[in-house]
């Protein structure tokens, strides 16, 4: 008996919910007219093209080298090392990865090992525990800006 009553209540509640979900018919008084300058559409389309080209180029990756600056359990130590890289070597991009339980700080996007080794010698002054050259997948930069190609 309890099951029949529970089932009946469930059916009635679902029916009531489905009737509440029926949209109200649209009336002419609720419509909105939008007047916009056609130049806005041109600007939006141009920005969409720039965004597409820049994000596509940002995804270009290739084989290369990075410098492993520090591998530690201490997050504050890793952040300090990343800050030190940005302070003394602003031209390099620093990466902080957390692979439990370690924090890894890597720097640079080097295509050839000799360039990475040159920076390694410079960084050993600031990081006495050692800086190591590692094979990695790096970001590839293009010579031209992507939005200059389409013009």
C-alpha atoms as a PDB file:
ATOM      1  CA  UNK A   1       0.000   0.000   0.000  1.00  0.00           C
ATOM      2  CA  UNK A   2       2.860   2.367   0.862  1.00  0.00           C
ATOM      3  CA  UNK A   3       4.458   1.685  -2.510  1.00  0.00           C
ATOM      4  CA  UNK A   4       1.273   2.531  -4.401  1.00  0.00           C
ATOM      5  CA  UNK A   5       0.875   5.832  -2.541  1.00  0.00           C
ATOM      6  CA  UNK A   6       4.553   6.697  -3.077  1.00  0.00           C
ATOM      7  CA  UNK A   7       4.264   5.886  -6.784  1.00  0.00           C
ATOM      8  CA  UNK A   8       1.103   7.992  -7.137  1.00  0.00           C
ATOM      9  CA  UNK A   9       2.751  10.960  -5.394  1.00  0.00           C
ATOM     10  CA  UNK A  10       5.793  10.629  -7.621  1.00  0.00           C
ATOM     11  CA  UNK A  11       3.675  10.617 -10.794  1.00  0.00           C
ATOM     12  CA  UNK A  12       1.663  13.654  -9.670  1.00  0.00           C
ATOM     13  CA  UNK A  13       4.780  15.590  -8.674  1.00  0.00           C
ATOM     14  CA  UNK A  14       6.494  14.847 -12.007  1.00  0.00           C
ATOM     15  CA  UNK A  15       3.357  15.955 -13.855  1.00  0.00           C
ATOM     16  CA  UNK A  16       3.272  19.217 -11.859  1.00  0.00           C
ATOM     17  CA  UNK A  17       6.959  19.871 -12.535  1.00  0.00           C
ATOM     18  CA  UNK A  18       6.592  19.243 -16.269  1.00  0.00           C
ATOM     19  CA  UNK A  19       3.634  21.680 -16.467  1.00  0.00           C
ATOM     20  CA  UNK A  20       5.761  24.366 -14.768  1.00  0.00           C
ATOM     21  CA  UNK A  21       8.479  23.896 -17.391  1.00  0.00           C
ATOM     22  CA  UNK A  22       6.204  24.750 -20.348  1.00  0.00           C
ATOM     23  CA  UNK A  23       7.319  28.168 -21.645  1.00  0.00           C
ATOM     24  CA  UNK A  24       4.857  31.010 -21.727  1.00  0.00           C
ATOM     25  CA  UNK A  25       3.841  32.172 -25.196  1.00  0.00           C
ATOM     26  CA  UNK A  26       5.756  35.241 -26.431  1.00  0.00           C
ATOM     27  CA  UNK A  27       3.850  38.458 -26.899  1.00  0.00           C
ATOM     28  CA  UNK A  28       4.673  41.439 -29.089  1.00  0.00           C
ATOM     29  CA  UNK A  29       5.170  43.678 -26.056  1.00  0.00           C
ATOM     30  CA  UNK A  30       8.110  41.535 -24.828  1.00  0.00           C
ATOM     31  CA  UNK A  31      10.151  41.786 -28.050  1.00  0.00           C
ATOM     32  CA  UNK A  32      13.244  43.976 -28.141  1.00  0.00           C
ATOM     33  CA  UNK A  33      14.649  45.780 -31.156  1.00  0.00           C
ATOM     34  CA  UNK A  34      18.429  46.129 -31.262  1.00  0.00           C
ATOM     35  CA  UNK A  35      20.030  48.886 -33.330  1.00  0.00           C
ATOM     36  CA  UNK A  36      23.796  48.605 -33.650  1.00  0.00           C
ATOM     37  CA  UNK A  37      26.473  50.183 -35.730  1.00  0.00           C
ATOM     38  CA  UNK A  38      27.579  47.792 -38.526  1.00  0.00           C
ATOM     39  CA  UNK A  39      31.222  48.671 -37.798  1.00  0.00           C
ATOM     40  CA  UNK A  40      30.899  46.781 -34.503  1.00  0.00           C
ATOM     41  CA  UNK A  41      30.371  43.539 -36.412  1.00  0.00           C
ATOM     42  CA  UNK A  42      33.539  44.222 -38.413  1.00  0.00           C
ATOM     43  CA  UNK A  43      35.522  44.817 -35.232  1.00  0.00           C
ATOM     44  CA  UNK A  44      34.159  41.676 -33.576  1.00  0.00           C
ATOM     45  CA  UNK A  45      35.009  39.578 -36.644  1.00  0.00           C
ATOM     46  CA  UNK A  46      38.537  41.031 -36.835  1.00  0.00           C
ATOM     47  CA  UNK A  47      39.107  40.328 -33.121  1.00  0.00           C
ATOM     48  CA  UNK A  48      37.865  36.762 -33.589  1.00  0.00           C
ATOM     49  CA  UNK A  49      40.387  36.269 -36.417  1.00  0.00           C
ATOM     50  CA  UNK A  50      43.240  37.635 -34.302  1.00  0.00           C
ATOM     51  CA  UNK A  51      42.242  35.428 -31.363  1.00  0.00           C
ATOM     52  CA  UNK A  52      42.066  32.335 -33.556  1.00  0.00           C
ATOM     53  CA  UNK A  53      45.471  32.962 -35.125  1.00  0.00           C
ATOM     54  CA  UNK A  54      47.224  33.775 -31.860  1.00  0.00           C
ATOM     55  CA  UNK A  55      45.757  30.833 -29.989  1.00  0.00           C
ATOM     56  CA  UNK A  56      46.604  28.496 -32.879  1.00  0.00           C
ATOM     57  CA  UNK A  57      50.209  29.723 -32.837  1.00  0.00           C
ATOM     58  CA  UNK A  58      50.380  29.419 -29.061  1.00  0.00           C
ATOM     59  CA  UNK A  59      49.628  25.717 -29.427  1.00  0.00           C
ATOM     60  CA  UNK A  60      52.661  25.092 -31.651  1.00  0.00           C
ATOM     61  CA  UNK A  61      54.999  22.839 -29.757  1.00  0.00           C
ATOM     62  CA  UNK A  62      58.151  21.005 -30.713  1.00  0.00           C
ATOM     63  CA  UNK A  63      61.151  19.150 -29.356  1.00  0.00           C
ATOM     64  CA  UNK A  64      63.688  21.244 -27.532  1.00  0.00           C
ATOM     65  CA  UNK A  65      65.338  21.864 -24.180  1.00  0.00           C
ATOM     66  CA  UNK A  66      64.462  23.488 -20.863  1.00  0.00           C
ATOM     67  CA  UNK A  67      66.506  24.146 -17.764  1.00  0.00           C
ATOM     68  CA  UNK A  68      65.427  22.385 -14.578  1.00  0.00           C
ATOM     69  CA  UNK A  69      66.019  24.997 -11.896  1.00  0.00           C
ATOM     70  CA  UNK A  70      64.688  23.274  -8.790  1.00  0.00           C
ATOM     71  CA  UNK A  71      62.749  20.198  -7.691  1.00  0.00           C
ATOM     72  CA  UNK A  72      61.471  20.490  -4.141  1.00  0.00           C
ATOM     73  CA  UNK A  73      58.689  19.576  -1.723  1.00  0.00           C
ATOM     74  CA  UNK A  74      58.480  23.170  -0.513  1.00  0.00           C
ATOM     75  CA  UNK A  75      56.056  25.318  -2.520  1.00  0.00           C
ATOM     76  CA  UNK A  76      57.458  28.605  -1.199  1.00  0.00           C
ATOM     77  CA  UNK A  77      60.960  27.593  -2.249  1.00  0.00           C
ATOM     78  CA  UNK A  78      59.703  26.799  -5.755  1.00  0.00           C
ATOM     79  CA  UNK A  79      57.893  30.134  -6.044  1.00  0.00           C
ATOM     80  CA  UNK A  80      61.020  31.946  -4.837  1.00  0.00           C
ATOM     81  CA  UNK A  81      63.083  30.176  -7.502  1.00  0.00           C
ATOM     82  CA  UNK A  82      60.585  31.125 -10.213  1.00  0.00           C
ATOM     83  CA  UNK A  83      60.656  34.744  -9.011  1.00  0.00           C
ATOM     84  CA  UNK A  84      64.460  34.700  -9.105  1.00  0.00           C
ATOM     85  CA  UNK A  85      64.375  33.465 -12.715  1.00  0.00           C
ATOM     86  CA  UNK A  86      62.040  36.311 -13.711  1.00  0.00           C
ATOM     87  CA  UNK A  87      64.202  38.819 -11.809  1.00  0.00           C
ATOM     88  CA  UNK A  88      67.581  37.894 -13.282  1.00  0.00           C
ATOM     89  CA  UNK A  89      66.463  36.466 -16.633  1.00  0.00           C
ATOM     90  CA  UNK A  90      63.303  38.343 -17.736  1.00  0.00           C
ATOM     91  CA  UNK A  91      63.715  37.137 -21.330  1.00  0.00           C
ATOM     92  CA  UNK A  92      63.071  33.517 -20.265  1.00  0.00           C
ATOM     93  CA  UNK A  93      59.687  32.049 -19.499  1.00  0.00           C
ATOM     94  CA  UNK A  94      59.553  30.124 -16.229  1.00  0.00           C
ATOM     95  CA  UNK A  95      57.214  27.182 -15.601  1.00  0.00           C
ATOM     96  CA  UNK A  96      56.082  25.879 -12.215  1.00  0.00           C
ATOM     97  CA  UNK A  97      54.611  22.360 -12.226  1.00  0.00           C
ATOM     98  CA  UNK A  98      53.323  20.366  -9.321  1.00  0.00           C
ATOM     99  CA  UNK A  99      53.778  16.617  -9.600  1.00  0.00           C
ATOM    100  CA  UNK A 100      52.873  15.374  -6.170  1.00  0.00           C
ATOM    101  CA  UNK A 101      54.803  15.594  -3.887  1.00  0.00           C
ATOM    102  CA  UNK A 102      57.309  17.731  -5.823  1.00  0.00           C
ATOM    103  CA  UNK A 103      57.267  21.207  -7.319  1.00  0.00           C
ATOM    104  CA  UNK A 104      59.361  21.566 -10.465  1.00  0.00           C
ATOM    105  CA  UNK A 105      60.561  24.889 -11.814  1.00  0.00           C
ATOM    106  CA  UNK A 106      61.797  24.879 -15.405  1.00  0.00           C
ATOM    107  CA  UNK A 107      62.857  27.819 -17.551  1.00  0.00           C
ATOM    108  CA  UNK A 108      63.281  28.598 -21.207  1.00  0.00           C
ATOM    109  CA  UNK A 109      62.194  27.339 -24.589  1.00  0.00           C
ATOM    110  CA  UNK A 110      65.463  26.416 -26.291  1.00  0.00           C
ATOM    111  CA  UNK A 111      65.617  24.850 -29.736  1.00  0.00           C
ATOM    112  CA  UNK A 112      69.265  23.799 -29.466  1.00  0.00           C
ATOM    113  CA  UNK A 113      71.298  22.453 -26.558  1.00  0.00           C
ATOM    114  CA  UNK A 114      74.169  24.962 -26.897  1.00  0.00           C
ATOM    115  CA  UNK A 115      71.884  27.901 -26.151  1.00  0.00           C
ATOM    116  CA  UNK A 116      70.484  26.065 -23.123  1.00  0.00           C
ATOM    117  CA  UNK A 117      73.989  25.294 -21.860  1.00  0.00           C
ATOM    118  CA  UNK A 118      74.973  28.971 -22.174  1.00  0.00           C
ATOM    119  CA  UNK A 119      72.066  29.946 -19.893  1.00  0.00           C
ATOM    120  CA  UNK A 120      72.888  27.021 -17.599  1.00  0.00           C
ATOM    121  CA  UNK A 121      76.328  28.504 -16.889  1.00  0.00           C
ATOM    122  CA  UNK A 122      74.801  31.915 -16.142  1.00  0.00           C
ATOM    123  CA  UNK A 123      72.124  30.440 -13.853  1.00  0.00           C
ATOM    124  CA  UNK A 124      74.523  28.316 -11.811  1.00  0.00           C
ATOM    125  CA  UNK A 125      75.641  31.579 -10.149  1.00  0.00           C
ATOM    126  CA  UNK A 126      72.117  32.200  -8.795  1.00  0.00           C
ATOM    127  CA  UNK A 127      71.198  28.537  -8.135  1.00  0.00           C
ATOM    128  CA  UNK A 128      74.193  26.859  -6.463  1.00  0.00           C
ATOM    129  CA  UNK A 129      72.432  23.465  -6.108  1.00  0.00           C
ATOM    130  CA  UNK A 130      72.680  23.120  -9.876  1.00  0.00           C
ATOM    131  CA  UNK A 131      70.732  23.785 -13.039  1.00  0.00           C
ATOM    132  CA  UNK A 132      70.220  20.897 -15.443  1.00  0.00           C
ATOM    133  CA  UNK A 133      69.488  20.848 -19.175  1.00  0.00           C
ATOM    134  CA  UNK A 134      66.535  18.583 -19.973  1.00  0.00           C
ATOM    135  CA  UNK A 135      64.875  17.374 -23.151  1.00  0.00           C
ATOM    136  CA  UNK A 136      61.329  18.729 -23.214  1.00  0.00           C
ATOM    137  CA  UNK A 137      58.495  19.783 -25.463  1.00  0.00           C
ATOM    138  CA  UNK A 138      58.849  23.548 -25.890  1.00  0.00           C
ATOM    139  CA  UNK A 139      56.825  26.393 -27.372  1.00  0.00           C
ATOM    140  CA  UNK A 140      57.897  27.352 -30.885  1.00  0.00           C
ATOM    141  CA  UNK A 141      57.889  31.063 -31.676  1.00  0.00           C
ATOM    142  CA  UNK A 142      57.265  32.361 -35.167  1.00  0.00           C
ATOM    143  CA  UNK A 143      59.175  35.304 -36.641  1.00  0.00           C
ATOM    144  CA  UNK A 144      56.047  37.053 -37.962  1.00  0.00           C
ATOM    145  CA  UNK A 145      53.057  38.196 -35.954  1.00  0.00           C
ATOM    146  CA  UNK A 146      50.010  36.185 -37.104  1.00  0.00           C
ATOM    147  CA  UNK A 147      47.800  39.218 -37.719  1.00  0.00           C
ATOM    148  CA  UNK A 148      50.410  40.710 -40.070  1.00  0.00           C
ATOM    149  CA  UNK A 149      50.036  37.771 -42.470  1.00  0.00           C
ATOM    150  CA  UNK A 150      46.327  38.319 -43.213  1.00  0.00           C
ATOM    151  CA  UNK A 151      46.637  42.008 -44.076  1.00  0.00           C
END
